[in-house]
Amino acid sequence: MNLSQYIDHTILSADATSSQVEEICKQAKKYNFYCVCINPCYVSLAKQFLEGNDVKVATVVGFPLGANTSSNKLEECIESIENGASEIDFVINIGQLKSANFTYVEDEINSLAKACHDRAAILKVIIETALLTEEEIVKVSKICCEQNADFIKTSTGFSTRGASISDIKLIKKTIVNSGKSLKIKASGGIRDVDFALALIDAGADRLGVSSGVKIIEEFKSM
């Protein structure tokens, strides 16, 4: 098992510095992580640090609350891709979902999916499972399937909790029942190899972690 290729090596803190971004890029190259996930202002810099390497650049849109306007998210998405991001992790409007304004959620996901796919980029939809009921998780997962997203991502890492095994299993079941092939990114609170492997076993295809080096070193020592 190539655990490194499951990992999006992440730094999304408000006080993240350019030197810290450079360091996670160095680590990503050393450990052959799938990508780095950084704040939008550092996309061009990360692309520069990773030049000539297979590690991809991911960034976040509408992060971390998801309450920006859809037009704002779309502009942020396009600018990030133009700056060098090949994967976009965007936060849905959670309030609109919980208000049962499903058309709003559908249109927003669809518009960002089209913008990404027109530019050969991947869209990961952050649904913030900590704030949703099981019924809402199923509903928004179905919407992601219908609106051509590439990944469903559990969490921002900034809410009341991160990923859980039950979240992954529920999302996976919904994807399978929809007859689609979307992938799942687990994120938030993944700090050791045992939890990382359990999430993968439950159905996660990618892990958003800031403890990637620790997890890989633990994996090597198993």
N, C-alpha and C. Protein backbone atom coordinates (compact mmCIF):
# COMPACT_ATOMS: atom_id res chain seq x y z
N MET A 1 0.85 -1.20 0.00
CA MET A 1 0.00 0.00 0.00
C MET A 1 0.88 1.25 0.00
N ASN A 2 0.62 2.15 -0.95
CA ASN A 2 1.38 3.40 -1.02
C ASN A 2 0.60 4.50 -0.29
N LEU A 3 0.74 4.53 1.02
CA LEU A 3 -0.03 5.46 1.84
C LEU A 3 0.25 6.92 1.48
N SER A 4 1.46 7.21 1.06
CA SER A 4 1.82 8.59 0.72
C SER A 4 0.89 9.19 -0.33
N GLN A 5 0.42 8.35 -1.27
CA GLN A 5 -0.41 8.84 -2.35
C GLN A 5 -1.86 9.08 -1.94
N TYR A 6 -2.18 8.76 -0.71
CA TYR A 6 -3.50 9.11 -0.16
C TYR A 6 -3.49 10.50 0.48
N ILE A 7 -2.33 11.08 0.66
CA ILE A 7 -2.22 12.25 1.53
C ILE A 7 -2.17 13.57 0.77
N ASP A 8 -3.07 14.48 1.16
CA ASP A 8 -3.00 15.88 0.79
C ASP A 8 -2.33 16.59 1.96
N HIS A 9 -1.07 16.95 1.80
CA HIS A 9 -0.28 17.55 2.89
C HIS A 9 -0.72 19.00 3.05
N THR A 10 -1.24 19.34 4.22
CA THR A 10 -2.09 20.52 4.36
C THR A 10 -1.59 21.52 5.39
N ILE A 11 -1.64 22.80 5.02
CA ILE A 11 -1.51 23.89 5.99
C ILE A 11 -2.48 24.99 5.58
N LEU A 12 -3.52 25.17 6.41
CA LEU A 12 -4.58 26.13 6.09
C LEU A 12 -4.84 27.11 7.25
N SER A 13 -3.91 27.20 8.17
CA SER A 13 -4.09 28.11 9.30
C SER A 13 -4.01 29.56 8.83
N ALA A 14 -4.66 30.43 9.57
CA ALA A 14 -4.70 31.85 9.20
C ALA A 14 -3.31 32.49 9.26
N ASP A 15 -2.44 31.94 10.11
CA ASP A 15 -1.11 32.52 10.26
C ASP A 15 -0.02 31.76 9.51
N ALA A 16 -0.42 30.93 8.56
CA ALA A 16 0.55 30.19 7.75
C ALA A 16 1.44 31.17 6.98
N THR A 17 2.74 30.95 7.04
CA THR A 17 3.70 31.85 6.39
C THR A 17 4.25 31.23 5.11
N SER A 18 4.87 32.05 4.30
CA SER A 18 5.46 31.55 3.05
C SER A 18 6.55 30.52 3.34
N SER A 19 7.29 30.71 4.42
CA SER A 19 8.35 29.75 4.76
C SER A 19 7.75 28.41 5.18
N GLN A 20 6.59 28.43 5.83
CA GLN A 20 5.91 27.19 6.19
C GLN A 20 5.38 26.48 4.94
N VAL A 21 4.86 27.24 4.01
CA VAL A 21 4.41 26.66 2.75
C VAL A 21 5.59 26.02 2.02
N GLU A 22 6.70 26.68 2.00
CA GLU A 22 7.90 26.11 1.37
C GLU A 22 8.29 24.80 2.06
N GLU A 23 8.19 24.76 3.38
CA GLU A 23 8.57 23.56 4.12
C GLU A 23 7.64 22.39 3.81
N ILE A 24 6.32 22.63 3.73
CA ILE A 24 5.43 21.50 3.43
C ILE A 24 5.61 21.04 1.99
N CYS A 25 6.00 21.94 1.11
CA CYS A 25 6.31 21.53 -0.26
C CYS A 25 7.55 20.64 -0.29
N LYS A 26 8.55 20.99 0.49
CA LYS A 26 9.75 20.16 0.59
C LYS A 26 9.41 18.78 1.15
N GLN A 27 8.57 18.76 2.17
CA GLN A 27 8.15 17.49 2.77
C GLN A 27 7.34 16.67 1.78
N ALA A 28 6.47 17.33 1.03
CA ALA A 28 5.65 16.63 0.04
C ALA A 28 6.51 15.97 -1.02
N LYS A 29 7.55 16.65 -1.44
CA LYS A 29 8.47 16.07 -2.43
C LYS A 29 9.25 14.91 -1.81
N LYS A 30 9.71 15.08 -0.59
CA LYS A 30 10.50 14.03 0.07
C LYS A 30 9.69 12.76 0.28
N TYR A 31 8.43 12.91 0.71
CA TYR A 31 7.61 11.75 1.04
C TYR A 31 6.67 11.33 -0.09
N ASN A 32 6.73 12.04 -1.21
CA ASN A 32 5.91 11.72 -2.38
C ASN A 32 4.42 11.75 -2.05
N PHE A 33 3.99 12.80 -1.33
CA PHE A 33 2.58 12.98 -1.08
C PHE A 33 1.86 13.32 -2.38
N TYR A 34 0.53 13.06 -2.42
CA TYR A 34 -0.21 13.31 -3.65
C TYR A 34 -0.24 14.79 -3.99
N CYS A 35 -0.52 15.62 -2.97
CA CYS A 35 -0.55 17.05 -3.23
C CYS A 35 -0.33 17.82 -1.94
N VAL A 36 -0.15 19.12 -2.09
CA VAL A 36 -0.18 20.03 -0.95
C VAL A 36 -1.47 20.82 -1.05
N CYS A 37 -2.05 21.13 0.10
CA CYS A 37 -3.28 21.94 0.13
C CYS A 37 -3.00 23.17 0.96
N ILE A 38 -3.06 24.33 0.31
CA ILE A 38 -2.65 25.58 0.96
C ILE A 38 -3.69 26.67 0.67
N ASN A 39 -3.59 27.76 1.41
CA ASN A 39 -4.51 28.88 1.21
C ASN A 39 -4.30 29.50 -0.18
N PRO A 40 -5.36 30.11 -0.74
CA PRO A 40 -5.28 30.62 -2.12
C PRO A 40 -4.15 31.61 -2.38
N CYS A 41 -3.79 32.39 -1.39
CA CYS A 41 -2.76 33.40 -1.61
C CYS A 41 -1.39 32.79 -1.87
N TYR A 42 -1.24 31.49 -1.56
CA TYR A 42 0.06 30.84 -1.73
C TYR A 42 0.11 29.88 -2.92
N VAL A 43 -0.93 29.85 -3.74
CA VAL A 43 -0.97 28.89 -4.84
C VAL A 43 0.21 29.08 -5.79
N SER A 44 0.45 30.30 -6.23
CA SER A 44 1.54 30.57 -7.17
C SER A 44 2.88 30.20 -6.56
N LEU A 45 3.05 30.49 -5.28
CA LEU A 45 4.30 30.20 -4.58
C LEU A 45 4.52 28.70 -4.48
N ALA A 46 3.47 27.97 -4.11
CA ALA A 46 3.58 26.51 -4.00
C ALA A 46 3.88 25.90 -5.37
N LYS A 47 3.25 26.41 -6.40
CA LYS A 47 3.51 25.91 -7.76
C LYS A 47 4.98 26.10 -8.12
N GLN A 48 5.52 27.23 -7.71
CA GLN A 48 6.94 27.51 -7.96
C GLN A 48 7.83 26.54 -7.19
N PHE A 49 7.51 26.31 -5.91
CA PHE A 49 8.31 25.41 -5.09
C PHE A 49 8.28 23.97 -5.61
N LEU A 50 7.18 23.60 -6.27
CA LEU A 50 6.99 22.21 -6.72
C LEU A 50 7.30 22.02 -8.21
N GLU A 51 7.86 23.02 -8.82
CA GLU A 51 8.14 22.94 -10.25
C GLU A 51 9.03 21.74 -10.56
N GLY A 52 8.64 20.99 -11.59
CA GLY A 52 9.41 19.82 -11.99
C GLY A 52 9.12 18.58 -11.18
N ASN A 53 8.11 18.65 -10.30
CA ASN A 53 7.76 17.52 -9.45
C ASN A 53 6.32 17.10 -9.73
N ASP A 54 5.98 15.85 -9.39
CA ASP A 54 4.63 15.35 -9.65
C ASP A 54 3.62 15.76 -8.57
N VAL A 55 4.07 16.32 -7.46
CA VAL A 55 3.15 16.73 -6.40
C VAL A 55 2.24 17.83 -6.91
N LYS A 56 0.93 17.67 -6.70
CA LYS A 56 -0.04 18.63 -7.21
C LYS A 56 -0.32 19.72 -6.18
N VAL A 57 -0.91 20.81 -6.66
CA VAL A 57 -1.30 21.92 -5.78
C VAL A 57 -2.82 21.97 -5.66
N ALA A 58 -3.30 21.90 -4.43
CA ALA A 58 -4.72 22.08 -4.14
C ALA A 58 -4.90 23.33 -3.29
N THR A 59 -6.06 23.95 -3.42
CA THR A 59 -6.37 25.09 -2.56
C THR A 59 -7.84 25.07 -2.20
N VAL A 60 -8.22 26.00 -1.34
CA VAL A 60 -9.59 26.04 -0.81
C VAL A 60 -10.34 27.26 -1.34
N VAL A 61 -11.65 27.10 -1.46
CA VAL A 61 -12.52 28.17 -1.96
C VAL A 61 -13.73 28.29 -1.03
N GLY A 62 -14.10 29.53 -0.70
CA GLY A 62 -15.20 29.76 0.22
C GLY A 62 -14.89 29.23 1.61
N PHE A 63 -13.64 29.26 1.96
CA PHE A 63 -13.14 28.60 3.17
C PHE A 63 -12.99 29.59 4.32
N PRO A 64 -13.33 29.18 5.56
CA PRO A 64 -13.85 27.87 5.97
C PRO A 64 -15.37 27.81 6.18
N LEU A 65 -16.08 28.92 6.03
CA LEU A 65 -17.50 28.94 6.40
C LEU A 65 -18.44 28.56 5.27
N GLY A 66 -18.03 28.79 4.03
CA GLY A 66 -18.91 28.49 2.90
C GLY A 66 -20.00 29.51 2.67
N ALA A 67 -19.95 30.64 3.38
CA ALA A 67 -21.04 31.60 3.33
C ALA A 67 -20.82 32.74 2.33
N ASN A 68 -19.75 32.67 1.56
CA ASN A 68 -19.53 33.64 0.49
C ASN A 68 -20.61 33.49 -0.58
N THR A 69 -20.78 34.50 -1.40
CA THR A 69 -21.71 34.36 -2.51
C THR A 69 -21.17 33.36 -3.53
N SER A 70 -22.07 32.78 -4.30
CA SER A 70 -21.65 31.82 -5.32
C SER A 70 -20.75 32.47 -6.37
N SER A 71 -21.04 33.71 -6.74
CA SER A 71 -20.22 34.39 -7.74
C SER A 71 -18.81 34.63 -7.20
N ASN A 72 -18.71 34.93 -5.92
CA ASN A 72 -17.41 35.13 -5.29
C ASN A 72 -16.61 33.83 -5.31
N LYS A 73 -17.28 32.72 -4.98
CA LYS A 73 -16.60 31.42 -4.99
C LYS A 73 -16.13 31.05 -6.39
N LEU A 74 -16.96 31.34 -7.37
CA LEU A 74 -16.60 31.02 -8.75
C LEU A 74 -15.36 31.79 -9.19
N GLU A 75 -15.32 33.08 -8.88
CA GLU A 75 -14.16 33.90 -9.23
C GLU A 75 -12.91 33.40 -8.52
N GLU A 76 -13.05 33.05 -7.24
CA GLU A 76 -11.92 32.54 -6.46
C GLU A 76 -11.41 31.22 -7.05
N CYS A 77 -12.33 30.39 -7.45
CA CYS A 77 -12.00 29.10 -8.06
C CYS A 77 -11.20 29.30 -9.34
N ILE A 78 -11.70 30.13 -10.23
CA ILE A 78 -11.04 30.35 -11.52
C ILE A 78 -9.67 30.98 -11.33
N GLU A 79 -9.58 31.97 -10.46
CA GLU A 79 -8.29 32.62 -10.21
C GLU A 79 -7.27 31.62 -9.66
N SER A 80 -7.72 30.75 -8.76
CA SER A 80 -6.81 29.76 -8.16
C SER A 80 -6.28 28.79 -9.21
N ILE A 81 -7.15 28.37 -10.11
CA ILE A 81 -6.70 27.47 -11.18
C ILE A 81 -5.71 28.19 -12.10
N GLU A 82 -6.01 29.43 -12.43
CA GLU A 82 -5.11 30.22 -13.28
C GLU A 82 -3.75 30.42 -12.61
N ASN A 83 -3.74 30.45 -11.28
CA ASN A 83 -2.49 30.63 -10.54
C ASN A 83 -1.70 29.33 -10.38
N GLY A 84 -2.34 28.18 -10.74
CA GLY A 84 -1.59 26.94 -10.70
C GLY A 84 -2.21 25.80 -9.93
N ALA A 85 -3.38 26.00 -9.33
CA ALA A 85 -4.03 24.90 -8.60
C ALA A 85 -4.66 23.92 -9.58
N SER A 86 -4.48 22.64 -9.31
CA SER A 86 -5.13 21.62 -10.15
C SER A 86 -6.27 20.92 -9.41
N GLU A 87 -6.43 21.26 -8.12
CA GLU A 87 -7.54 20.71 -7.35
C GLU A 87 -8.12 21.82 -6.47
N ILE A 88 -9.45 21.89 -6.44
CA ILE A 88 -10.17 22.91 -5.68
C ILE A 88 -11.03 22.23 -4.62
N ASP A 89 -10.81 22.58 -3.36
CA ASP A 89 -11.61 22.09 -2.24
C ASP A 89 -12.53 23.23 -1.81
N PHE A 90 -13.82 23.12 -2.14
CA PHE A 90 -14.71 24.26 -1.88
C PHE A 90 -15.81 23.90 -0.88
N VAL A 91 -16.14 24.87 -0.04
CA VAL A 91 -17.14 24.67 1.02
C VAL A 91 -18.52 25.07 0.51
N ILE A 92 -19.48 24.16 0.64
CA ILE A 92 -20.85 24.48 0.26
C ILE A 92 -21.42 25.55 1.19
N ASN A 93 -22.53 26.12 0.78
CA ASN A 93 -23.26 27.04 1.65
C ASN A 93 -24.11 26.18 2.60
N ILE A 94 -23.58 25.95 3.78
CA ILE A 94 -24.19 25.02 4.74
C ILE A 94 -25.55 25.53 5.20
N GLY A 95 -25.67 26.84 5.37
CA GLY A 95 -26.95 27.42 5.79
C GLY A 95 -28.04 27.19 4.76
N GLN A 96 -27.69 27.31 3.49
CA GLN A 96 -28.68 27.07 2.43
C GLN A 96 -29.10 25.60 2.41
N LEU A 97 -28.15 24.70 2.62
CA LEU A 97 -28.50 23.28 2.68
C LEU A 97 -29.46 23.01 3.83
N LYS A 98 -29.15 23.56 5.00
CA LYS A 98 -29.98 23.32 6.18
C LYS A 98 -31.33 24.03 6.09
N SER A 99 -31.41 25.03 5.21
CA SER A 99 -32.68 25.69 4.94
C SER A 99 -33.49 24.97 3.87
N ALA A 100 -32.95 23.85 3.41
CA ALA A 100 -33.58 23.04 2.36
C ALA A 100 -33.68 23.79 1.03
N ASN A 101 -32.78 24.76 0.83
CA ASN A 101 -32.71 25.45 -0.45
C ASN A 101 -31.77 24.66 -1.35
N PHE A 102 -32.23 23.51 -1.79
CA PHE A 102 -31.37 22.57 -2.50
C PHE A 102 -30.98 23.06 -3.89
N THR A 103 -31.85 23.85 -4.52
CA THR A 103 -31.52 24.38 -5.84
C THR A 103 -30.28 25.27 -5.77
N TYR A 104 -30.20 26.07 -4.71
CA TYR A 104 -29.02 26.93 -4.51
C TYR A 104 -27.76 26.08 -4.43
N VAL A 105 -27.81 25.03 -3.62
CA VAL A 105 -26.65 24.16 -3.43
C VAL A 105 -26.29 23.46 -4.74
N GLU A 106 -27.30 22.97 -5.44
CA GLU A 106 -27.08 22.30 -6.73
C GLU A 106 -26.40 23.23 -7.73
N ASP A 107 -26.94 24.44 -7.85
CA ASP A 107 -26.41 25.39 -8.84
C ASP A 107 -24.97 25.77 -8.52
N GLU A 108 -24.68 25.95 -7.23
CA GLU A 108 -23.32 26.35 -6.83
C GLU A 108 -22.32 25.24 -7.15
N ILE A 109 -22.65 24.01 -6.79
CA ILE A 109 -21.74 22.89 -7.08
C ILE A 109 -21.57 22.73 -8.58
N ASN A 110 -22.66 22.81 -9.31
CA ASN A 110 -22.59 22.64 -10.75
C ASN A 110 -21.71 23.69 -11.41
N SER A 111 -21.84 24.94 -10.98
CA SER A 111 -21.06 26.02 -11.61
C SER A 111 -19.57 25.85 -11.34
N LEU A 112 -19.22 25.43 -10.13
CA LEU A 112 -17.80 25.24 -9.82
C LEU A 112 -17.25 23.98 -10.48
N ALA A 113 -18.08 22.94 -10.57
CA ALA A 113 -17.64 21.72 -11.26
C ALA A 113 -17.34 22.03 -12.73
N LYS A 114 -18.21 22.80 -13.37
CA LYS A 114 -18.00 23.16 -14.78
C LYS A 114 -16.74 24.00 -14.93
N ALA A 115 -16.55 24.97 -14.04
CA ALA A 115 -15.35 25.81 -14.10
C ALA A 115 -14.08 24.99 -13.95
N CYS A 116 -14.11 24.04 -13.03
CA CYS A 116 -12.94 23.17 -12.83
C CYS A 116 -12.70 22.28 -14.04
N HIS A 117 -13.74 21.62 -14.50
CA HIS A 117 -13.56 20.65 -15.59
C HIS A 117 -13.20 21.32 -16.91
N ASP A 118 -13.70 22.52 -17.12
CA ASP A 118 -13.33 23.27 -18.32
C ASP A 118 -11.84 23.63 -18.31
N ARG A 119 -11.23 23.61 -17.12
CA ARG A 119 -9.82 23.99 -16.97
C ARG A 119 -8.97 22.81 -16.50
N ALA A 120 -9.50 21.60 -16.69
CA ALA A 120 -8.78 20.35 -16.37
C ALA A 120 -8.40 20.27 -14.89
N ALA A 121 -9.27 20.77 -14.03
CA ALA A 121 -9.04 20.71 -12.58
C ALA A 121 -10.08 19.81 -11.92
N ILE A 122 -9.79 19.41 -10.70
CA ILE A 122 -10.62 18.52 -9.91
C ILE A 122 -11.39 19.33 -8.86
N LEU A 123 -12.67 18.99 -8.66
CA LEU A 123 -13.48 19.67 -7.63
C LEU A 123 -13.78 18.73 -6.47
N LYS A 124 -13.37 19.15 -5.28
CA LYS A 124 -13.73 18.45 -4.05
C LYS A 124 -14.73 19.33 -3.30
N VAL A 125 -15.86 18.76 -2.93
CA VAL A 125 -16.92 19.52 -2.26
C VAL A 125 -16.89 19.24 -0.76
N ILE A 126 -16.60 20.27 0.02
CA ILE A 126 -16.55 20.13 1.47
C ILE A 126 -17.96 20.33 2.02
N ILE A 127 -18.48 19.29 2.68
CA ILE A 127 -19.87 19.37 3.15
C ILE A 127 -19.99 19.63 4.65
N GLU A 128 -18.90 19.62 5.37
CA GLU A 128 -18.85 19.88 6.83
C GLU A 128 -19.83 18.99 7.59
N THR A 129 -19.52 17.71 7.63
CA THR A 129 -20.41 16.71 8.22
C THR A 129 -20.74 16.98 9.69
N ALA A 130 -19.86 17.65 10.41
CA ALA A 130 -20.11 17.93 11.82
C ALA A 130 -21.37 18.74 12.04
N LEU A 131 -21.77 19.51 11.05
CA LEU A 131 -22.92 20.41 11.18
C LEU A 131 -24.20 19.84 10.55
N LEU A 132 -24.11 18.61 10.04
CA LEU A 132 -25.24 18.04 9.31
C LEU A 132 -25.82 16.82 10.01
N THR A 133 -27.11 16.61 9.81
CA THR A 133 -27.74 15.36 10.23
C THR A 133 -27.38 14.27 9.21
N GLU A 134 -27.66 13.02 9.54
CA GLU A 134 -27.40 11.94 8.59
C GLU A 134 -28.21 12.14 7.31
N GLU A 135 -29.44 12.60 7.47
CA GLU A 135 -30.30 12.84 6.30
C GLU A 135 -29.71 13.93 5.41
N GLU A 136 -29.16 14.96 6.02
CA GLU A 136 -28.54 16.05 5.24
C GLU A 136 -27.26 15.58 4.55
N ILE A 137 -26.49 14.72 5.21
CA ILE A 137 -25.28 14.17 4.59
C ILE A 137 -25.66 13.37 3.34
N VAL A 138 -26.70 12.55 3.47
CA VAL A 138 -27.16 11.76 2.32
C VAL A 138 -27.64 12.68 1.20
N LYS A 139 -28.43 13.69 1.55
CA LYS A 139 -28.99 14.60 0.55
C LYS A 139 -27.88 15.33 -0.21
N VAL A 140 -26.93 15.91 0.50
CA VAL A 140 -25.89 16.68 -0.17
C VAL A 140 -24.93 15.76 -0.93
N SER A 141 -24.74 14.55 -0.46
CA SER A 141 -23.91 13.59 -1.20
C SER A 141 -24.56 13.22 -2.52
N LYS A 142 -25.89 13.06 -2.50
CA LYS A 142 -26.62 12.81 -3.75
C LYS A 142 -26.48 13.99 -4.71
N ILE A 143 -26.57 15.20 -4.17
CA ILE A 143 -26.43 16.40 -5.00
C ILE A 143 -25.04 16.43 -5.64
N CYS A 144 -24.02 16.11 -4.87
CA CYS A 144 -22.65 16.09 -5.40
C CYS A 144 -22.55 15.10 -6.56
N CYS A 145 -23.19 13.96 -6.40
CA CYS A 145 -23.19 12.94 -7.47
C CYS A 145 -23.89 13.46 -8.71
N GLU A 146 -25.01 14.13 -8.52
CA GLU A 146 -25.82 14.61 -9.64
C GLU A 146 -25.17 15.79 -10.37
N GLN A 147 -24.38 16.59 -9.63
CA GLN A 147 -23.83 17.83 -10.19
C GLN A 147 -22.37 17.72 -10.59
N ASN A 148 -21.91 16.49 -10.77
CA ASN A 148 -20.61 16.23 -11.40
C ASN A 148 -19.38 16.64 -10.59
N ALA A 149 -19.49 16.61 -9.28
CA ALA A 149 -18.30 16.80 -8.46
C ALA A 149 -17.38 15.59 -8.62
N ASP A 150 -16.12 15.75 -8.23
CA ASP A 150 -15.17 14.64 -8.32
C ASP A 150 -14.97 13.96 -6.97
N PHE A 151 -15.01 14.74 -5.90
CA PHE A 151 -14.83 14.24 -4.54
C PHE A 151 -15.90 14.83 -3.63
N ILE A 152 -16.26 14.09 -2.62
CA ILE A 152 -16.98 14.63 -1.46
C ILE A 152 -15.98 14.62 -0.30
N LYS A 153 -15.82 15.78 0.31
CA LYS A 153 -14.85 15.94 1.40
C LYS A 153 -15.61 16.20 2.69
N THR A 154 -15.20 15.56 3.76
CA THR A 154 -15.98 15.60 5.00
C THR A 154 -15.97 16.95 5.69
N SER A 155 -14.81 17.60 5.77
CA SER A 155 -14.66 18.65 6.77
C SER A 155 -13.65 19.71 6.36
N THR A 156 -13.79 20.87 6.98
CA THR A 156 -12.78 21.92 6.84
C THR A 156 -11.64 21.74 7.83
N GLY A 157 -11.94 21.08 8.95
CA GLY A 157 -10.99 21.02 10.04
C GLY A 157 -11.14 22.19 10.99
N PHE A 158 -12.10 23.08 10.71
CA PHE A 158 -12.31 24.27 11.53
C PHE A 158 -13.65 24.25 12.27
N SER A 159 -14.38 23.14 12.20
CA SER A 159 -15.67 23.06 12.85
C SER A 159 -15.56 22.28 14.16
N THR A 160 -16.67 21.75 14.64
CA THR A 160 -16.70 21.11 15.95
C THR A 160 -16.01 19.76 16.00
N ARG A 161 -15.86 19.14 14.83
CA ARG A 161 -15.09 17.90 14.73
C ARG A 161 -14.69 17.70 13.29
N GLY A 162 -13.82 16.72 13.08
CA GLY A 162 -13.40 16.40 11.72
C GLY A 162 -14.09 15.14 11.22
N ALA A 163 -13.35 14.36 10.45
CA ALA A 163 -13.90 13.16 9.83
C ALA A 163 -14.20 12.08 10.86
N SER A 164 -15.17 11.24 10.54
CA SER A 164 -15.46 10.05 11.36
C SER A 164 -15.65 8.85 10.45
N ILE A 165 -15.47 7.67 11.01
CA ILE A 165 -15.67 6.45 10.24
C ILE A 165 -17.11 6.37 9.73
N SER A 166 -18.05 6.73 10.60
CA SER A 166 -19.47 6.65 10.21
C SER A 166 -19.78 7.61 9.07
N ASP A 167 -19.17 8.80 9.06
CA ASP A 167 -19.34 9.74 7.94
C ASP A 167 -18.92 9.09 6.63
N ILE A 168 -17.74 8.50 6.64
CA ILE A 168 -17.19 7.91 5.41
C ILE A 168 -18.08 6.78 4.92
N LYS A 169 -18.51 5.93 5.81
CA LYS A 169 -19.35 4.80 5.41
C LYS A 169 -20.68 5.28 4.83
N LEU A 170 -21.26 6.33 5.44
CA LEU A 170 -22.54 6.84 4.95
C LEU A 170 -22.39 7.49 3.58
N ILE A 171 -21.34 8.27 3.41
CA ILE A 171 -21.10 8.90 2.10
C ILE A 171 -20.83 7.84 1.05
N LYS A 172 -20.01 6.85 1.39
CA LYS A 172 -19.68 5.78 0.45
C LYS A 172 -20.94 5.03 0.02
N LYS A 173 -21.80 4.71 0.97
CA LYS A 173 -23.04 4.00 0.66
C LYS A 173 -23.91 4.83 -0.28
N THR A 174 -23.98 6.13 -0.04
CA THR A 174 -24.80 7.01 -0.88
C THR A 174 -24.26 7.07 -2.31
N ILE A 175 -22.94 7.17 -2.43
CA ILE A 175 -22.32 7.20 -3.76
C ILE A 175 -22.63 5.91 -4.52
N VAL A 176 -22.44 4.78 -3.85
CA VAL A 176 -22.70 3.48 -4.49
C VAL A 176 -24.16 3.37 -4.91
N ASN A 177 -25.06 3.78 -4.02
CA ASN A 177 -26.50 3.71 -4.33
C ASN A 177 -26.88 4.64 -5.48
N SER A 178 -26.09 5.70 -5.67
CA SER A 178 -26.36 6.64 -6.77
C SER A 178 -25.81 6.13 -8.10
N GLY A 179 -25.04 5.06 -8.04
CA GLY A 179 -24.46 4.51 -9.26
C GLY A 179 -23.33 5.36 -9.83
N LYS A 180 -22.74 6.20 -8.98
CA LYS A 180 -21.67 7.09 -9.42
C LYS A 180 -20.31 6.59 -8.91
N SER A 181 -19.26 7.28 -9.33
CA SER A 181 -17.91 6.85 -8.94
C SER A 181 -17.13 7.98 -8.27
N LEU A 182 -17.83 8.86 -7.57
CA LEU A 182 -17.14 9.93 -6.86
C LEU A 182 -16.20 9.35 -5.82
N LYS A 183 -15.16 10.09 -5.53
CA LYS A 183 -14.21 9.69 -4.50
C LYS A 183 -14.51 10.47 -3.21
N ILE A 184 -13.87 10.03 -2.13
CA ILE A 184 -14.11 10.63 -0.81
C ILE A 184 -12.79 11.11 -0.23
N LYS A 185 -12.79 12.33 0.27
CA LYS A 185 -11.64 12.85 1.01
C LYS A 185 -12.04 13.04 2.46
N ALA A 186 -11.34 12.35 3.35
CA ALA A 186 -11.55 12.52 4.79
C ALA A 186 -10.56 13.57 5.28
N SER A 187 -11.05 14.48 6.11
CA SER A 187 -10.16 15.51 6.64
C SER A 187 -10.64 15.96 8.02
N GLY A 188 -9.71 16.49 8.78
CA GLY A 188 -10.02 16.99 10.11
C GLY A 188 -9.75 15.96 11.19
N GLY A 189 -8.78 16.23 12.03
CA GLY A 189 -8.52 15.38 13.19
C GLY A 189 -7.80 14.08 12.91
N ILE A 190 -7.17 13.96 11.74
CA ILE A 190 -6.45 12.72 11.39
C ILE A 190 -4.99 12.91 11.78
N ARG A 191 -4.61 12.37 12.92
CA ARG A 191 -3.29 12.66 13.47
C ARG A 191 -2.41 11.43 13.68
N ASP A 192 -2.94 10.23 13.42
CA ASP A 192 -2.11 9.03 13.58
C ASP A 192 -2.44 8.01 12.51
N VAL A 193 -1.55 7.07 12.34
CA VAL A 193 -1.67 6.11 11.24
C VAL A 193 -2.85 5.17 11.42
N ASP A 194 -3.18 4.81 12.65
CA ASP A 194 -4.29 3.88 12.86
C ASP A 194 -5.61 4.48 12.37
N PHE A 195 -5.85 5.74 12.70
CA PHE A 195 -7.08 6.40 12.25
C PHE A 195 -7.06 6.59 10.74
N ALA A 196 -5.90 6.95 10.20
CA ALA A 196 -5.77 7.13 8.76
C ALA A 196 -6.12 5.84 8.01
N LEU A 197 -5.59 4.73 8.46
CA LEU A 197 -5.86 3.44 7.80
C LEU A 197 -7.31 3.02 7.98
N ALA A 198 -7.89 3.33 9.13
CA ALA A 198 -9.30 2.99 9.37
C ALA A 198 -10.21 3.76 8.44
N LEU A 199 -9.89 5.02 8.18
CA LEU A 199 -10.68 5.83 7.26
C LEU A 199 -10.58 5.31 5.83
N ILE A 200 -9.39 4.90 5.44
CA ILE A 200 -9.20 4.32 4.11
C ILE A 200 -9.99 3.02 3.99
N ASP A 201 -9.92 2.21 5.03
CA ASP A 201 -10.66 0.94 5.03
C ASP A 201 -12.17 1.18 4.92
N ALA A 202 -12.64 2.29 5.49
CA ALA A 202 -14.08 2.62 5.45
C ALA A 202 -14.51 3.17 4.09
N GLY A 203 -13.53 3.60 3.26
CA GLY A 203 -13.88 4.08 1.93
C GLY A 203 -13.23 5.37 1.49
N ALA A 204 -12.38 5.97 2.32
CA ALA A 204 -11.73 7.22 1.93
C ALA A 204 -10.67 6.97 0.87
N ASP A 205 -10.65 7.85 -0.14
CA ASP A 205 -9.67 7.75 -1.22
C ASP A 205 -8.52 8.73 -1.04
N ARG A 206 -8.74 9.75 -0.22
CA ARG A 206 -7.72 10.75 0.04
C ARG A 206 -7.88 11.23 1.47
N LEU A 207 -6.76 11.66 2.07
CA LEU A 207 -6.76 12.16 3.44
C LEU A 207 -6.17 13.56 3.48
N GLY A 208 -6.92 14.51 4.03
CA GLY A 208 -6.39 15.85 4.23
C GLY A 208 -5.80 15.94 5.62
N VAL A 209 -4.47 16.06 5.70
CA VAL A 209 -3.81 16.01 7.00
C VAL A 209 -2.69 17.04 7.09
N SER A 210 -2.49 17.54 8.30
CA SER A 210 -1.32 18.37 8.57
C SER A 210 -0.23 17.56 9.26
N SER A 211 -0.55 16.30 9.60
CA SER A 211 0.40 15.41 10.27
C SER A 211 0.90 14.32 9.33
N GLY A 212 1.03 14.66 8.06
CA GLY A 212 1.41 13.67 7.07
C GLY A 212 2.74 13.00 7.33
N VAL A 213 3.74 13.79 7.74
CA VAL A 213 5.07 13.22 7.99
C VAL A 213 5.00 12.24 9.15
N LYS A 214 4.33 12.61 10.22
CA LYS A 214 4.18 11.73 11.38
C LYS A 214 3.47 10.43 11.00
N ILE A 215 2.41 10.55 10.23
CA ILE A 215 1.63 9.37 9.84
C ILE A 215 2.48 8.42 8.99
N ILE A 216 3.24 8.96 8.04
CA ILE A 216 4.07 8.11 7.19
C ILE A 216 5.18 7.46 7.99
N GLU A 217 5.78 8.18 8.89
CA GLU A 217 6.84 7.60 9.72
C GLU A 217 6.29 6.48 10.60
N GLU A 218 5.08 6.67 11.13
CA GLU A 218 4.44 5.61 11.90
C GLU A 218 4.15 4.39 11.03
N PHE A 219 3.71 4.66 9.81
CA PHE A 219 3.39 3.57 8.88
C PHE A 219 4.64 2.76 8.54
N LYS A 220 5.75 3.43 8.35
CA LYS A 220 7.00 2.76 8.02
C LYS A 220 7.48 1.86 9.17
N SER A 221 7.13 2.24 10.38
CA SER A 221 7.61 1.49 11.56
C SER A 221 6.69 0.34 11.94
N MET A 222 5.59 0.16 11.23
CA MET A 222 4.63 -0.89 11.56
C MET A 222 5.17 -2.28 11.17
